[in-house]
């Protein structure tokens, strides 16, 4: 059974063998399902404010 992880930005599932692994200087490992999620994370955007993420929570 392949190991499934959640995208650290949007919350979607990342299948084994796909996605991007990002390792921070403090040793935390973050998984991203696409370059779109990685770029939005690096820009400092909040996933709660973007309607296309699973973490979206309207006010």
Protein backbone atom coordinates (compact mmCIF):
# COMPACT_ATOMS: atom_id res chain seq x y z
CA UNK A 1 0.00 0.00 0.00
CA UNK A 2 1.55 3.34 -1.03
CA UNK A 3 2.17 5.91 1.67
CA UNK A 4 -0.08 8.95 1.39
CA UNK A 5 0.79 12.30 2.93
CA UNK A 6 -1.14 15.56 3.03
CA UNK A 7 0.00 18.68 1.22
CA UNK A 8 1.32 21.12 3.81
CA UNK A 9 -0.36 24.04 2.04
CA UNK A 10 -3.70 23.02 0.57
CA UNK A 11 -4.43 19.76 2.41
CA UNK A 12 -4.84 17.52 -0.64
CA UNK A 13 -3.37 14.01 -0.71
CA UNK A 14 0.09 13.59 -2.23
CA UNK A 15 0.59 10.20 -3.86
CA UNK A 16 3.83 8.29 -3.42
CA UNK A 17 6.35 9.18 -6.12
CA UNK A 18 4.85 12.58 -6.85
CA UNK A 19 4.81 16.01 -5.29
CA UNK A 20 7.62 18.09 -3.84
CA UNK A 21 9.45 17.61 -0.55
CA UNK A 22 10.70 20.80 1.11
CA UNK A 23 13.10 20.58 4.06
CA UNK A 24 13.39 23.68 6.24
CA UNK A 25 16.56 24.72 8.07
CA UNK A 26 15.14 23.50 11.38
CA UNK A 27 14.67 19.99 9.94
CA UNK A 28 10.89 20.09 9.38
CA UNK A 29 9.80 18.22 6.25
CA UNK A 30 6.92 19.72 4.29
CA UNK A 31 5.18 18.03 1.36
CA UNK A 32 3.55 19.93 -1.49
CA UNK A 33 1.27 18.44 -4.14
CA UNK A 34 2.32 20.94 -6.82
CA UNK A 35 4.62 23.83 -7.58
CA UNK A 36 1.57 26.09 -7.21
CA UNK A 37 1.33 25.20 -3.52
CA UNK A 38 5.08 25.56 -2.98
CA UNK A 39 5.17 29.00 -4.61
CA UNK A 40 2.19 30.22 -2.58
CA UNK A 41 3.87 28.97 0.61
CA UNK A 42 7.12 30.77 -0.23
CA UNK A 43 5.16 33.97 -0.91
CA UNK A 44 3.76 33.78 2.61
CA UNK A 45 0.12 33.39 1.61
CA UNK A 46 -2.43 31.97 4.03
CA UNK A 47 -4.18 28.81 2.75
CA UNK A 48 -7.24 29.73 4.84
CA UNK A 49 -7.82 32.75 2.60
CA UNK A 50 -7.63 30.91 -0.76
CA UNK A 51 -10.87 29.26 -1.93
CA UNK A 52 -9.15 26.50 -3.93
CA UNK A 53 -7.55 24.93 -0.83
CA UNK A 54 -9.18 22.42 1.51
CA UNK A 55 -8.10 24.59 4.46
CA UNK A 56 -10.26 27.50 3.20
CA UNK A 57 -12.56 28.97 5.83
CA UNK A 58 -14.81 31.82 4.70
CA UNK A 59 -15.46 34.56 7.19
